[in-house]
PDB file of N, CA and C in Angstrom:
ATOM      1  N   MET A   1       7.201   0.708  11.770  1.00  0.00           N
ATOM      2  CA  MET A   1       7.342   0.616  13.684  1.00  0.00           C
ATOM      3  C   MET A   1       6.758  -0.207  14.258  1.00  0.00           C
ATOM      4  N   ASN A   2       6.742  -0.324  14.746  1.00  0.00           N
ATOM      5  CA  ASN A   2       6.485  -1.601  15.569  1.00  0.00           C
ATOM      6  C   ASN A   2       4.906  -1.320  15.928  1.00  0.00           C
ATOM      7  N   PRO A   3       4.138  -2.280  15.803  1.00  0.00           N
ATOM      8  CA  PRO A   3       2.778  -1.993  16.151  1.00  0.00           C
ATOM      9  C   PRO A   3       2.110  -2.074  17.625  1.00  0.00           C
ATOM     10  N   LEU A   4       2.841  -2.439  18.392  1.00  0.00           N
ATOM     11  CA  LEU A   4       2.578  -2.648  19.878  1.00  0.00           C
ATOM     12  C   LEU A   4       2.812  -1.256  20.073  1.00  0.00           C
ATOM     13  N   TYR A   5       4.317  -0.640  20.011  1.00  0.00           N
ATOM     14  CA  TYR A   5       4.650   0.480  20.206  1.00  0.00           C
ATOM     15  C   TYR A   5       3.755   1.678  19.661  1.00  0.00           C
ATOM     16  N   GLN A   6       3.389   1.373  18.459  1.00  0.00           N
ATOM     17  CA  GLN A   6       2.156   2.463  17.677  1.00  0.00           C
ATOM     18  C   GLN A   6       0.747   2.615  18.718  1.00  0.00           C
ATOM     19  N   ALA A   7       0.380   1.552  19.081  1.00  0.00           N
ATOM     20  CA  ALA A   7      -0.944   1.476  19.626  1.00  0.00           C
ATOM     21  C   ALA A   7      -0.328   1.960  21.251  1.00  0.00           C
ATOM     22  N   MET A   8       0.539   1.900  21.690  1.00  0.00           N
ATOM     23  CA  MET A   8       0.799   2.652  23.073  1.00  0.00           C
ATOM     24  C   MET A   8       0.882   4.287  22.930  1.00  0.00           C
ATOM     25  N   MET A   9       1.441   4.515  21.760  1.00  0.00           N
ATOM     26  CA  MET A   9       2.167   5.895  21.712  1.00  0.00           C
ATOM     27  C   MET A   9       0.684   7.038  21.215  1.00  0.00           C
ATOM     28  N   GLN A  10      -0.298   6.058  20.325  1.00  0.00           N
ATOM     29  CA  GLN A  10      -1.228   6.671  19.841  1.00  0.00           C
ATOM     30  C   GLN A  10      -2.146   7.703  20.773  1.00  0.00           C
ATOM     31  N   ASN A  11      -2.134   8.888  20.442  1.00  0.00           N
ATOM     32  CA  ASN A  11      -2.649  10.050  21.100  1.00  0.00           C
ATOM     33  C   ASN A  11      -2.260  10.211  22.227  1.00  0.00           C
ATOM     34  N   LEU A  12      -1.190   9.657  22.705  1.00  0.00           N
ATOM     35  CA  LEU A  12      -0.629   9.949  23.820  1.00  0.00           C
ATOM     36  C   LEU A  12       0.101  11.647  24.052  1.00  0.00           C
ATOM     37  N   PRO A  13      -0.307  12.341  24.757  1.00  0.00           N
ATOM     38  CA  PRO A  13       0.694  13.650  24.941  1.00  0.00           C
ATOM     39  C   PRO A  13       1.981  13.530  25.115  1.00  0.00           C
ATOM     40  N   THR A  14       2.789  14.552  24.515  1.00  0.00           N
ATOM     41  CA  THR A  14       4.065  14.484  24.596  1.00  0.00           C
ATOM     42  C   THR A  14       4.873  14.831  26.371  1.00  0.00           C
ATOM     43  N   ASN A  15       5.544  13.576  26.487  1.00  0.00           N
ATOM     44  CA  ASN A  15       6.400  13.651  27.857  1.00  0.00           C
ATOM     45  C   ASN A  15       5.628  13.588  29.002  1.00  0.00           C
ATOM     46  N   ASN A  16       4.342  12.694  29.057  1.00  0.00           N
ATOM     47  CA  ASN A  16       3.333  12.699  29.721  1.00  0.00           C
ATOM     48  C   ASN A  16       3.300  10.906  29.892  1.00  0.00           C
ATOM     49  N   VAL A  17       4.708  10.916  31.401  1.00  0.00           N
ATOM     50  CA  VAL A  17       4.627   9.293  31.619  1.00  0.00           C
ATOM     51  C   VAL A  17       3.409   8.774  32.164  1.00  0.00           C
ATOM     52  N   MET A  18       3.095   9.571  33.175  1.00  0.00           N
ATOM     53  CA  MET A  18       1.657   9.134  33.856  1.00  0.00           C
ATOM     54  C   MET A  18       0.831   8.785  32.982  1.00  0.00           C
ATOM     55  N   SER A  19       0.381   9.164  31.646  1.00  0.00           N
ATOM     56  CA  SER A  19      -0.817   8.689  30.597  1.00  0.00           C
ATOM     57  C   SER A  19      -0.206   7.317  29.921  1.00  0.00           C
ATOM     58  N   LEU A  20       1.170   7.497  29.619  1.00  0.00           N
ATOM     59  CA  LEU A  20       1.978   5.962  29.150  1.00  0.00           C
ATOM     60  C   LEU A  20       1.550   5.012  29.994  1.00  0.00           C
ATOM     61  N   LEU A  21       2.118   5.036  31.454  1.00  0.00           N
ATOM     62  CA  LEU A  21       1.701   4.117  32.258  1.00  0.00           C
ATOM     63  C   LEU A  21       0.121   3.620  32.557  1.00  0.00           C
ATOM     64  N   GLN A  22      -0.602   4.447  32.474  1.00  0.00           N
ATOM     65  CA  GLN A  22      -2.241   4.094  32.290  1.00  0.00           C
ATOM     66  C   GLN A  22      -2.409   3.542  30.978  1.00  0.00           C
ATOM     67  N   ARG A  23      -1.979   3.582  30.229  1.00  0.00           N
ATOM     68  CA  ARG A  23      -2.114   3.050  28.887  1.00  0.00           C
ATOM     69  C   ARG A  23      -1.788   1.857  28.677  1.00  0.00           C
ATOM     70  N   PHE A  24      -0.154   1.343  29.535  1.00  0.00           N
ATOM     71  CA  PHE A  24      -0.007   0.151  29.664  1.00  0.00           C
ATOM     72  C   PHE A  24      -0.807  -0.759  30.445  1.00  0.00           C
ATOM     73  N   ASN A  25      -1.158  -0.131  31.735  1.00  0.00           N
ATOM     74  CA  ASN A  25      -1.749  -0.888  32.943  1.00  0.00           C
ATOM     75  C   ASN A  25      -3.210  -1.284  31.905  1.00  0.00           C
ATOM     76  N   GLN A  26      -3.861  -0.193  31.023  1.00  0.00           N
ATOM     77  CA  GLN A  26      -4.976  -0.889  30.544  1.00  0.00           C
ATOM     78  C   GLN A  26      -4.773  -2.041  28.929  1.00  0.00           C
ATOM     79  N   PHE A  27      -3.859  -1.942  28.632  1.00  0.00           N
ATOM     80  CA  PHE A  27      -3.141  -2.963  27.965  1.00  0.00           C
ATOM     81  C   PHE A  27      -2.745  -4.695  28.472  1.00  0.00           C
ATOM     82  N   ARG A  28      -2.210  -3.958  30.065  1.00  0.00           N
ATOM     83  CA  ARG A  28      -1.691  -5.338  30.521  1.00  0.00           C
ATOM     84  C   ARG A  28      -3.261  -5.966  31.160  1.00  0.00           C
ATOM     85  N   ASN A  29      -4.034  -5.454  31.478  1.00  0.00           N
ATOM     86  CA  ASN A  29      -5.271  -6.149  31.820  1.00  0.00           C
ATOM     87  C   ASN A  29      -6.301  -6.690  31.169  1.00  0.00           C
ATOM     88  N   SER A  30      -6.009  -6.182  29.815  1.00  0.00           N
ATOM     89  CA  SER A  30      -7.142  -6.522  28.671  1.00  0.00           C
ATOM     90  C   SER A  30      -6.421  -7.701  28.020  1.00  0.00           C
ATOM     91  N   PHE A  31      -4.914  -8.266  28.205  1.00  0.00           N
ATOM     92  CA  PHE A  31      -4.096  -9.324  27.250  1.00  0.00           C
ATOM     93  C   PHE A  31      -4.759 -10.450  27.858  1.00  0.00           C
ATOM     94  N   ARG A  32      -4.837 -11.181  26.673  1.00  0.00           N
ATOM     95  CA  ARG A  32      -4.954 -12.718  27.024  1.00  0.00           C
ATOM     96  C   ARG A  32      -4.235 -13.604  26.092  1.00  0.00           C
ATOM     97  N   GLY A  33      -3.897 -14.782  27.015  1.00  0.00           N
ATOM     98  CA  GLY A  33      -2.926 -15.558  26.405  1.00  0.00           C
ATOM     99  C   GLY A  33      -1.371 -15.388  26.836  1.00  0.00           C
ATOM    100  N   ASN A  34      -0.530 -16.495  26.376  1.00  0.00           N
ATOM    101  CA  ASN A  34       1.033 -16.329  26.861  1.00  0.00           C
ATOM    102  C   ASN A  34       1.436 -15.145  25.887  1.00  0.00           C
ATOM    103  N   PRO A  35       2.137 -14.314  26.542  1.00  0.00           N
ATOM    104  CA  PRO A  35       2.893 -13.204  25.899  1.00  0.00           C
ATOM    105  C   PRO A  35       3.951 -13.721  25.012  1.00  0.00           C
ATOM    106  N   GLN A  36       4.629 -14.781  25.286  1.00  0.00           N
ATOM    107  CA  GLN A  36       6.054 -15.171  24.845  1.00  0.00           C
ATOM    108  C   GLN A  36       5.506 -15.875  23.470  1.00  0.00           C
ATOM    109  N   GLU A  37       4.154 -16.710  23.274  1.00  0.00           N
ATOM    110  CA  GLU A  37       4.002 -17.161  22.526  1.00  0.00           C
ATOM    111  C   GLU A  37       3.456 -15.722  21.340  1.00  0.00           C
ATOM    112  N   GLN A  38       2.681 -15.173  22.198  1.00  0.00           N
ATOM    113  CA  GLN A  38       1.961 -13.793  21.023  1.00  0.00           C
ATOM    114  C   GLN A  38       2.872 -12.923  20.440  1.00  0.00           C
ATOM    115  N   VAL A  39       4.070 -12.821  21.117  1.00  0.00           N
ATOM    116  CA  VAL A  39       5.586 -12.075  20.703  1.00  0.00           C
ATOM    117  C   VAL A  39       6.085 -12.821  19.425  1.00  0.00           C
ATOM    118  N   GLN A  40       6.375 -14.011  19.545  1.00  0.00           N
ATOM    119  CA  GLN A  40       6.879 -15.229  18.575  1.00  0.00           C
ATOM    120  C   GLN A  40       5.990 -14.987  17.527  1.00  0.00           C
ATOM    121  N   ALA A  41       4.785 -15.115  17.561  1.00  0.00           N
ATOM    122  CA  ALA A  41       3.849 -15.043  16.420  1.00  0.00           C
ATOM    123  C   ALA A  41       3.711 -13.674  15.368  1.00  0.00           C
ATOM    124  N   LEU A  42       4.144 -12.447  16.246  1.00  0.00           N
ATOM    125  CA  LEU A  42       4.289 -11.400  15.736  1.00  0.00           C
ATOM    126  C   LEU A  42       5.555 -11.503  14.821  1.00  0.00           C
ATOM    127  N   ILE A  43       6.910 -11.915  15.624  1.00  0.00           N
ATOM    128  CA  ILE A  43       8.069 -11.905  15.031  1.00  0.00           C
ATOM    129  C   ILE A  43       7.730 -12.937  13.474  1.00  0.00           C
ATOM    130  N   ASN A  44       7.496 -14.071  13.914  1.00  0.00           N
ATOM    131  CA  ASN A  44       7.147 -15.097  12.832  1.00  0.00           C
ATOM    132  C   ASN A  44       6.589 -14.749  11.765  1.00  0.00           C
ATOM    133  N   SER A  45       5.473 -13.785  11.794  1.00  0.00           N
ATOM    134  CA  SER A  45       4.754 -13.404  10.473  1.00  0.00           C
ATOM    135  C   SER A  45       4.980 -12.066  10.101  1.00  0.00           C
ATOM    136  N   GLY A  46       6.420 -11.582  10.765  1.00  0.00           N
ATOM    137  CA  GLY A  46       7.187 -10.219   9.972  1.00  0.00           C
ATOM    138  C   GLY A  46       6.785  -8.883  10.406  1.00  0.00           C
ATOM    139  N   ARG A  47       5.215  -8.899  11.360  1.00  0.00           N
ATOM    140  CA  ARG A  47       4.781  -8.075  11.999  1.00  0.00           C
ATOM    141  C   ARG A  47       5.936  -7.153  12.353  1.00  0.00           C
ATOM    142  N   VAL A  48       6.482  -7.723  13.334  1.00  0.00           N
ATOM    143  CA  VAL A  48       7.596  -7.392  14.315  1.00  0.00           C
ATOM    144  C   VAL A  48       9.167  -7.694  13.977  1.00  0.00           C
ATOM    145  N   SER A  49      10.251  -7.178  13.717  1.00  0.00           N
ATOM    146  CA  SER A  49      11.202  -8.053  13.668  1.00  0.00           C
ATOM    147  C   SER A  49      12.039  -7.999  14.446  1.00  0.00           C
ATOM    148  N   GLN A  50      12.696  -8.764  14.532  1.00  0.00           N
ATOM    149  CA  GLN A  50      13.628  -9.292  15.686  1.00  0.00           C
ATOM    150  C   GLN A  50      14.616  -7.868  16.301  1.00  0.00           C
ATOM    151  N   ALA A  51      15.097  -7.144  15.232  1.00  0.00           N
ATOM    152  CA  ALA A  51      15.696  -5.811  15.664  1.00  0.00           C
ATOM    153  C   ALA A  51      14.085  -4.837  16.704  1.00  0.00           C
ATOM    154  N   ASP A  52      13.197  -5.149  16.003  1.00  0.00           N
ATOM    155  CA  ASP A  52      12.312  -4.086  16.835  1.00  0.00           C
ATOM    156  C   ASP A  52      12.165  -4.705  18.264  1.00  0.00           C
ATOM    157  N   TYR A  53      11.868  -6.647  18.442  1.00  0.00           N
ATOM    158  CA  TYR A  53      12.031  -6.830  19.773  1.00  0.00           C
ATOM    159  C   TYR A  53      13.087  -6.824  20.252  1.00  0.00           C
ATOM    160  N   ASN A  54      14.016  -6.358  20.017  1.00  0.00           N
ATOM    161  CA  ASN A  54      15.353  -6.531  20.907  1.00  0.00           C
ATOM    162  C   ASN A  54      15.159  -4.848  21.259  1.00  0.00           C
ATOM    163  N   ARG A  55      15.009  -4.047  20.410  1.00  0.00           N
ATOM    164  CA  ARG A  55      14.874  -2.601  20.947  1.00  0.00           C
ATOM    165  C   ARG A  55      13.610  -2.300  22.344  1.00  0.00           C
ATOM    166  N   ALA A  56      12.448  -3.115  21.877  1.00  0.00           N
ATOM    167  CA  ALA A  56      11.372  -2.874  22.980  1.00  0.00           C
ATOM    168  C   ALA A  56      12.086  -3.621  24.323  1.00  0.00           C
ATOM    169  N   VAL A  57      12.630  -5.010  24.179  1.00  0.00           N
ATOM    170  CA  VAL A  57      12.757  -5.184  25.419  1.00  0.00           C
ATOM    171  C   VAL A  57      13.848  -4.381  26.207  1.00  0.00           C
ATOM    172  N   GLN A  58      15.131  -3.896  25.313  1.00  0.00           N
ATOM    173  CA  GLN A  58      16.200  -2.857  25.722  1.00  0.00           C
ATOM    174  C   GLN A  58      15.282  -1.791  26.596  1.00  0.00           C
ATOM    175  N   MET A  59      14.215  -1.202  25.608  1.00  0.00           N
ATOM    176  CA  MET A  59      13.295   0.072  26.531  1.00  0.00           C
ATOM    177  C   MET A  59      12.728  -0.366  27.801  1.00  0.00           C
ATOM    178  N   ALA A  60      12.247  -1.742  27.505  1.00  0.00           N
ATOM    179  CA  ALA A  60      11.845  -2.184  28.902  1.00  0.00           C
ATOM    180  C   ALA A  60      12.439  -1.926  30.012  1.00  0.00           C
ATOM    181  N   GLN A  61      13.608  -2.564  29.964  1.00  0.00           N
ATOM    182  CA  GLN A  61      14.574  -2.928  30.767  1.00  0.00           C
ATOM    183  C   GLN A  61      14.958  -1.463  31.458  1.00  0.00           C
ATOM    184  N   GLN A  62      15.229  -0.678  30.659  1.00  0.00           N
ATOM    185  CA  GLN A  62      15.462   1.073  31.026  1.00  0.00           C
ATOM    186  C   GLN A  62      14.369   1.318  32.191  1.00  0.00           C
ATOM    187  N   MET A  63      13.149   1.043  31.531  1.00  0.00           N
ATOM    188  CA  MET A  63      11.874   1.737  31.961  1.00  0.00           C
ATOM    189  C   MET A  63      12.388   1.070  33.465  1.00  0.00           C
ATOM    190  N   GLN A  64      12.362  -0.516  33.568  1.00  0.00           N
ATOM    191  CA  GLN A  64      12.098  -1.066  34.985  1.00  0.00           C
ATOM    192  C   GLN A  64      12.978  -0.262  35.779  1.00  0.00           C
ATOM    193  N   GLY A  65      14.291  -0.085  35.382  1.00  0.00           N
ATOM    194  CA  GLY A  65      15.037   0.689  36.470  1.00  0.00           C
ATOM    195  C   GLY A  65      14.586   1.633  37.047  1.00  0.00           C
ATOM    196  N   MET A  66      13.512   2.357  36.106  1.00  0.00           N
ATOM    197  CA  MET A  66      13.177   3.643  36.464  1.00  0.00           C
ATOM    198  C   MET A  66      12.405   3.856  37.685  1.00  0.00           C
ATOM    199  N   LEU A  67      11.522   2.438  37.443  1.00  0.00           N
ATOM    200  CA  LEU A  67      10.199   2.395  37.998  1.00  0.00           C
ATOM    201  C   LEU A  67      10.520   1.760  39.430  1.00  0.00           C
ATOM    202  N   LYS A  68      11.590   1.495  39.674  1.00  0.00           N
ATOM    203  CA  LYS A  68      12.089   0.490  40.797  1.00  0.00           C
ATOM    204  C   LYS A  68      11.860   1.555  42.169  1.00  0.00           C
TER     205      LYS A  68
END
């Protein structure tokens, strides 16, 4: 499973969107560096597969549509 996804979902109550958004905001506020470089490093190291990345992008795009 994707490490980023695991970190976001850890101890997350089932179906609690507000909690997920709160955890994401905490992550976003504490993130340092270039996101593209960080993601590419995860893919290059094998910690995240290209397929996992593609699924995460797809999920993010779907969520973005819901949040507009």
